[in-house]
C-alpha atoms as a PDB file:
ATOM      1  CA  MET A   1     -42.685 186.677  16.897  1.00  0.00           C
ATOM      2  CA  GLN A   2     -40.396 184.042  18.929  1.00  0.00           C
ATOM      3  CA  ASP A   3     -41.229 180.424  19.387  1.00  0.00           C
ATOM      4  CA  PHE A   4     -42.618 179.750  23.250  1.00  0.00           C
ATOM      5  CA  ALA A   5     -39.693 177.141  23.467  1.00  0.00           C
ATOM      6  CA  HIS A   6     -37.438 179.583  23.258  1.00  0.00           C
ATOM      7  CA  TRP A   7     -39.241 182.194  24.563  1.00  0.00           C
ATOM      8  CA  SER A   8     -39.615 180.426  27.884  1.00  0.00           C
ATOM      9  CA  LEU A   9     -35.897 179.580  27.793  1.00  0.00           C
ATOM     10  CA  ASP A  10     -34.972 183.241  27.916  1.00  0.00           C
ATOM     11  CA  ALA A  11     -37.841 183.925  30.532  1.00  0.00           C
ATOM     12  CA  ILE A  12     -36.525 180.936  32.540  1.00  0.00           C
ATOM     13  CA  ARG A  13     -32.367 182.010  32.292  1.00  0.00           C
ATOM     14  CA  GLU A  14     -33.895 185.709  32.884  1.00  0.00           C
ATOM     15  CA  GLU A  15     -35.084 184.966  36.517  1.00  0.00           C
ATOM     16  CA  GLY A  16     -31.188 183.417  37.405  1.00  0.00           C
ATOM     17  CA  ALA A  17     -30.355 180.554  39.935  1.00  0.00           C
ATOM     18  CA  SER A  18     -33.643 180.628  41.165  1.00  0.00           C
ATOM     19  CA  LEU A  19     -35.876 179.484  38.661  1.00  0.00           C
ATOM     20  CA  SER A  20     -32.914 177.220  36.824  1.00  0.00           C
ATOM     21  CA  TRP A  21     -34.950 173.749  38.253  1.00  0.00           C
ATOM     22  CA  LEU A  22     -37.395 174.312  35.336  1.00  0.00           C
ATOM     23  CA  GLU A  23     -34.351 175.277  32.674  1.00  0.00           C
ATOM     24  CA  GLU A  24     -34.111 171.217  32.219  1.00  0.00           C
ATOM     25  CA  ILE A  25     -37.731 170.050  32.179  1.00  0.00           C
ATOM     26  CA  ARG A  26     -39.146 172.905  30.278  1.00  0.00           C
ATOM     27  CA  PHE A  27     -40.978 171.274  27.606  1.00  0.00           C
ATOM     28  CA  GLU A  28     -42.245 169.513  30.321  1.00  0.00           C
ATOM     29  CA  TRP A  29     -43.593 172.978  30.845  1.00  0.00           C
ATOM     30  CA  VAL A  30     -43.923 173.984  27.240  1.00  0.00           C
ATOM     31  CA  ILE A  31     -45.983 171.376  25.331  1.00  0.00           C
ATOM     32  CA  PRO A  32     -49.046 172.433  28.129  1.00  0.00           C
ATOM     33  CA  THR A  33     -48.068 175.146  28.545  1.00  0.00           C
ATOM     34  CA  ALA A  34     -48.855 176.153  24.957  1.00  0.00           C
ATOM     35  CA  ALA A  35     -52.172 174.073  24.677  1.00  0.00           C
ATOM     36  CA  CYS A  36     -53.981 176.387  27.754  1.00  0.00           C
ATOM     37  CA  LEU A  37     -53.195 179.646  26.095  1.00  0.00           C
ATOM     38  CA  GLN A  38     -53.978 178.979  22.812  1.00  0.00           C
ATOM     39  CA  GLU A  39     -57.292 178.083  24.483  1.00  0.00           C
ATOM     40  CA  ILE A  40     -56.941 181.219  26.461  1.00  0.00           C
ATOM     41  CA  LEU A  41     -56.697 183.677  23.050  1.00  0.00           C
ATOM     42  CA  GLU A  42     -59.645 181.504  21.301  1.00  0.00           C
ATOM     43  CA  GLY A  43     -61.646 182.652  24.511  1.00  0.00           C
ATOM     44  CA  LYS A  44     -62.211 179.786  26.538  1.00  0.00           C
ATOM     45  CA  THR A  45     -63.391 180.436  30.412  1.00  0.00           C
ATOM     46  CA  ILE A  46     -60.345 178.848  32.758  1.00  0.00           C
ATOM     47  CA  VAL A  47     -62.286 176.686  35.287  1.00  0.00           C
ATOM     48  CA  LEU A  48     -59.820 176.521  38.399  1.00  0.00           C
ATOM     49  CA  ILE A  49     -59.628 173.280  40.612  1.00  0.00           C
ATOM     50  CA  THR A  50     -57.598 172.612  43.236  1.00  0.00           C
ATOM     51  CA  ASP A  51     -56.634 170.227  45.758  1.00  0.00           C
ATOM     52  CA  GLU A  52     -57.130 170.852  49.166  1.00  0.00           C
ATOM     53  CA  LYS A  53     -54.054 171.753  50.198  1.00  0.00           C
ATOM     54  CA  ARG A  54     -53.137 174.044  46.899  1.00  0.00           C
ATOM     55  CA  ARG A  55     -57.047 176.036  48.387  1.00  0.00           C
ATOM     56  CA  TRP A  56     -54.513 179.024  49.582  1.00  0.00           C
ATOM     57  CA  PHE A  57     -53.042 178.807  45.606  1.00  0.00           C
ATOM     58  CA  GLU A  58     -56.397 178.447  44.084  1.00  0.00           C
ATOM     59  CA  ARG A  59     -56.762 182.044  45.455  1.00  0.00           C
ATOM     60  CA  TYR A  60     -54.215 183.017  45.346  1.00  0.00           C
ATOM     61  CA  ILE A  61     -54.049 182.811  41.610  1.00  0.00           C
ATOM     62  CA  LEU A  62     -58.328 183.961  41.518  1.00  0.00           C
ATOM     63  CA  GLU A  63     -56.510 187.436  43.132  1.00  0.00           C
ATOM     64  CA  LYS A  64     -53.305 187.654  41.219  1.00  0.00           C
ATOM     65  CA  LEU A  65     -54.293 186.558  37.114  1.00  0.00           C
ATOM     66  CA  ASN A  66     -57.129 189.410  36.637  1.00  0.00           C
ATOM     67  CA  SER A  67     -55.186 192.080  39.052  1.00  0.00           C
ATOM     68  CA  PRO A  68     -56.994 195.875  39.890  1.00  0.00           C
ATOM     69  CA  GLN A  69     -54.485 197.224  37.899  1.00  0.00           C
ATOM     70  CA  PRO A  70     -54.080 194.822  34.740  1.00  0.00           C
ATOM     71  CA  ASP A  71     -51.509 195.333  32.392  1.00  0.00           C
ATOM     72  CA  ARG A  72     -53.688 193.471  29.452  1.00  0.00           C
ATOM     73  CA  PRO A  73     -57.154 192.480  29.054  1.00  0.00           C
ATOM     74  CA  LEU A  74     -59.026 190.575  32.049  1.00  0.00           C
ATOM     75  CA  ILE A  75     -58.700 186.921  31.175  1.00  0.00           C
ATOM     76  CA  PRO A  76     -62.644 184.660  32.124  1.00  0.00           C
ATOM     77  CA  ILE A  77     -61.559 182.328  35.006  1.00  0.00           C
ATOM     78  CA  LEU A  78     -63.374 181.129  37.882  1.00  0.00           C
ATOM     79  CA  SER A  79     -62.729 178.296  40.407  1.00  0.00           C
ATOM     80  CA  ILE A  80     -65.124 175.563  40.751  1.00  0.00           C
ATOM     81  CA  GLU A  81     -66.515 176.387  43.600  1.00  0.00           C
ATOM     82  CA  SER A  82     -68.020 179.542  41.995  1.00  0.00           C
ATOM     83  CA  VAL A  83     -69.652 177.298  39.792  1.00  0.00           C
ATOM     84  CA  TYR A  84     -71.009 175.134  42.187  1.00  0.00           C
ATOM     85  CA  ALA A  85     -70.601 175.904  45.921  1.00  0.00           C
ATOM     86  CA  HIS A  86     -71.197 172.206  47.162  1.00  0.00           C
ATOM     87  CA  PHE A  87     -68.108 170.855  44.985  1.00  0.00           C
ATOM     88  CA  ASP A  88     -66.380 169.073  47.570  1.00  0.00           C
ATOM     89  CA  TYR A  89     -69.934 166.794  48.044  1.00  0.00           C
ATOM     90  CA  VAL A  90     -69.746 165.613  45.022  1.00  0.00           C
ATOM     91  CA  SER A  91     -69.388 162.082  44.242  1.00  0.00           C
ATOM     92  CA  GLY A  92     -69.562 159.380  41.593  1.00  0.00           C
ATOM     93  CA  GLY A  93     -69.961 160.013  37.786  1.00  0.00           C
ATOM     94  CA  GLU A  94     -73.388 161.078  37.593  1.00  0.00           C
ATOM     95  CA  MET A  95     -73.026 164.195  39.851  1.00  0.00           C
ATOM     96  CA  ILE A  96     -69.778 164.860  38.287  1.00  0.00           C
ATOM     97  CA  ASP A  97     -71.848 164.355  34.716  1.00  0.00           C
ATOM     98  CA  MET A  98     -74.362 166.877  36.000  1.00  0.00           C
ATOM     99  CA  VAL A  99     -71.768 169.080  37.134  1.00  0.00           C
ATOM    100  CA  GLU A 100     -70.631 169.166  33.926  1.00  0.00           C
ATOM    101  CA  ASP A 101     -73.622 169.364  32.201  1.00  0.00           C
ATOM    102  CA  MET A 102     -74.180 172.913  34.066  1.00  0.00           C
ATOM    103  CA  LEU A 103     -71.517 173.940  32.852  1.00  0.00           C
ATOM    104  CA  ARG A 104     -71.869 173.491  29.071  1.00  0.00           C
ATOM    105  CA  LEU A 105     -74.866 175.134  29.654  1.00  0.00           C
ATOM    106  CA  SER A 106     -73.191 177.816  30.967  1.00  0.00           C
ATOM    107  CA  PHE A 107     -69.979 178.106  28.412  1.00  0.00           C
ATOM    108  CA  GLY A 108     -70.873 175.368  25.776  1.00  0.00           C
ATOM    109  CA  GLU A 109     -67.513 174.119  25.331  1.00  0.00           C
ATOM    110  CA  ARG A 110     -65.900 177.290  25.431  1.00  0.00           C
ATOM    111  CA  PHE A 111     -64.502 176.348  28.675  1.00  0.00           C
ATOM    112  CA  ILE A 112     -61.281 174.414  30.070  1.00  0.00           C
ATOM    113  CA  PHE A 113     -60.200 173.236  33.320  1.00  0.00           C
ATOM    114  CA  TRP A 114     -57.136 174.087  34.852  1.00  0.00           C
ATOM    115  CA  TYR A 115     -56.111 171.288  38.010  1.00  0.00           C
ATOM    116  CA  ILE A 116     -53.402 171.964  40.555  1.00  0.00           C
ATOM    117  CA  GLY A 117     -52.376 169.586  42.716  1.00  0.00           C
ATOM    118  CA  ARG A 118     -52.957 165.661  43.442  1.00  0.00           C
ATOM    119  CA  GLY A 119     -53.766 163.340  40.930  1.00  0.00           C
ATOM    120  CA  GLU A 120     -55.438 160.948  43.134  1.00  0.00           C
ATOM    121  CA  ASP A 121     -57.335 163.438  44.890  1.00  0.00           C
ATOM    122  CA  LYS A 122     -61.088 163.298  44.183  1.00  0.00           C
ATOM    123  CA  ARG A 123     -61.548 166.700  43.054  1.00  0.00           C
ATOM    124  CA  ALA A 124     -59.392 165.736  40.088  1.00  0.00           C
ATOM    125  CA  ASP A 125     -61.697 163.210  38.813  1.00  0.00           C
ATOM    126  CA  ILE A 126     -64.110 165.705  36.565  1.00  0.00           C
ATOM    127  CA  ALA A 127     -60.688 167.672  35.061  1.00  0.00           C
ATOM    128  CA  LYS A 128     -59.538 163.774  33.986  1.00  0.00           C
ATOM    129  CA  ARG A 129     -62.571 163.802  31.592  1.00  0.00           C
ATOM    130  CA  ARG A 130     -61.357 165.704  29.247  1.00  0.00           C
ATOM    131  CA  ASP A 131     -58.922 166.042  27.108  1.00  0.00           C
ATOM    132  CA  ASP A 132     -58.304 169.707  26.979  1.00  0.00           C
ATOM    133  CA  THR A 133     -57.403 170.159  31.060  1.00  0.00           C
ATOM    134  CA  TYR A 134     -54.455 171.875  31.529  1.00  0.00           C
ATOM    135  CA  PHE A 135     -53.034 169.824  34.674  1.00  0.00           C
ATOM    136  CA  TRP A 136     -50.050 170.685  37.192  1.00  0.00           C
ATOM    137  CA  ILE A 137     -50.473 167.572  38.692  1.00  0.00           C
ATOM    138  CA  PHE A 138     -48.154 165.721  41.496  1.00  0.00           C
ATOM    139  CA  ASP A 139     -47.195 162.681  41.632  1.00  0.00           C
ATOM    140  CA  GLU A 140     -48.740 161.037  38.875  1.00  0.00           C
ATOM    141  CA  ASP A 141     -47.157 160.162  34.959  1.00  0.00           C
ATOM    142  CA  TYR A 142     -50.710 161.990  32.923  1.00  0.00           C
ATOM    143  CA  GLN A 143     -50.896 163.222  29.428  1.00  0.00           C
ATOM    144  CA  ASN A 144     -49.986 166.976  29.114  1.00  0.00           C
ATOM    145  CA  SER A 145     -49.618 167.883  31.848  1.00  0.00           C
ATOM    146  CA  PHE A 146     -46.772 169.621  34.236  1.00  0.00           C
ATOM    147  CA  LYS A 147     -45.436 166.850  37.097  1.00  0.00           C
ATOM    148  CA  LEU A 148     -44.584 168.347  40.275  1.00  0.00           C
ATOM    149  CA  ASN A 149     -43.233 166.484  43.458  1.00  0.00           C
ATOM    150  CA  SER A 150     -45.469 167.316  46.521  1.00  0.00           C
ATOM    151  CA  HIS A 151     -42.749 166.077  48.195  1.00  0.00           C
ATOM    152  CA  ASP A 152     -40.591 168.594  47.241  1.00  0.00           C
ATOM    153  CA  SER A 153     -40.059 170.847  50.371  1.00  0.00           C
ATOM    154  CA  HIS A 154     -40.137 173.772  47.699  1.00  0.00           C
ATOM    155  CA  LEU A 155     -43.166 172.989  46.051  1.00  0.00           C
ATOM    156  CA  ASP A 156     -44.500 176.528  47.413  1.00  0.00           C
ATOM    157  CA  ILE A 157     -42.327 178.358  45.921  1.00  0.00           C
ATOM    158  CA  LYS A 158     -42.300 176.615  43.017  1.00  0.00           C
ATOM    159  CA  LEU A 159     -45.970 177.142  42.296  1.00  0.00           C
ATOM    160  CA  LEU A 160     -44.870 180.480  42.696  1.00  0.00           C
ATOM    161  CA  GLN A 161     -42.496 180.670  40.374  1.00  0.00           C
ATOM    162  CA  LEU A 162     -44.520 178.396  37.694  1.00  0.00           C
ATOM    163  CA  PHE A 163     -47.211 181.447  38.617  1.00  0.00           C
ATOM    164  CA  LYS A 164     -45.213 184.010  37.447  1.00  0.00           C
ATOM    165  CA  LEU A 165     -44.274 182.172  34.494  1.00  0.00           C
ATOM    166  CA  PHE A 166     -47.338 181.397  33.490  1.00  0.00           C
ATOM    167  CA  ASP A 167     -48.720 185.280  33.750  1.00  0.00           C
ATOM    168  CA  ALA A 168     -45.998 186.495  31.749  1.00  0.00           C
ATOM    169  CA  SER A 169     -46.072 183.983  29.295  1.00  0.00           C
ATOM    170  CA  LEU A 170     -49.975 184.545  28.571  1.00  0.00           C
ATOM    171  CA  ALA A 171     -49.017 188.374  28.537  1.00  0.00           C
ATOM    172  CA  ALA A 172     -46.659 187.567  25.874  1.00  0.00           C
ATOM    173  CA  ALA A 173     -49.124 185.259  24.073  1.00  0.00           C
ATOM    174  CA  MET A 174     -51.838 188.210  24.061  1.00  0.00           C
ATOM    175  CA  TYR A 175     -49.582 190.819  23.281  1.00  0.00           C
ATOM    176  CA  GLY A 176     -48.103 189.103  20.271  1.00  0.00           C
ATOM    177  CA  GLU A 177     -44.316 188.598  21.333  1.00  0.00           C
ATOM    178  CA  VAL A 178     -45.109 184.586  21.390  1.00  0.00           C
ATOM    179  CA  ASP A 179     -46.467 181.582  18.774  1.00  0.00           C
ATOM    180  CA  VAL A 180     -48.352 179.384  20.492  1.00  0.00           C
ATOM    181  CA  THR A 181     -50.135 177.248  18.227  1.00  0.00           C
ATOM    182  CA  PRO A 182     -49.278 173.508  17.782  1.00  0.00           C
END
């Protein structure tokens, strides 16, 4: 079984020049991604949250992660709106507490948030309350996160590339090709 950091480097290099931007910052990718993959392998549900500008990407992930012809077991993933349709109207700590309580009633502690977007967006507030959240966060240094620049003219392309790498990483972890344990 290969170390996840080495496997990631090989996977990045396999993609050639299109993913070369990630090679120099791969350790920022490896640490939070390995932790997320470990949570998934332990059977936790992913509650996906994006900022408003990345709603298209949320739909893309939900569509692609469990495609109709999966080459691996299905992954428990859902959007925050599928749990609470009025999530955009949640504001303040008390409302966030109620949504989080509902998630705990549904999943116990067997869920993690995956947040993609700007850190200052109010939709990030619920995700920032948990230490085990998987972040692809923009324009902000945040603990255990993968940081991207929201002003990057190639951001959408990079998000799609990262998802492809995440999907391949998940398959490799599920089939025991890589070790994602801390």
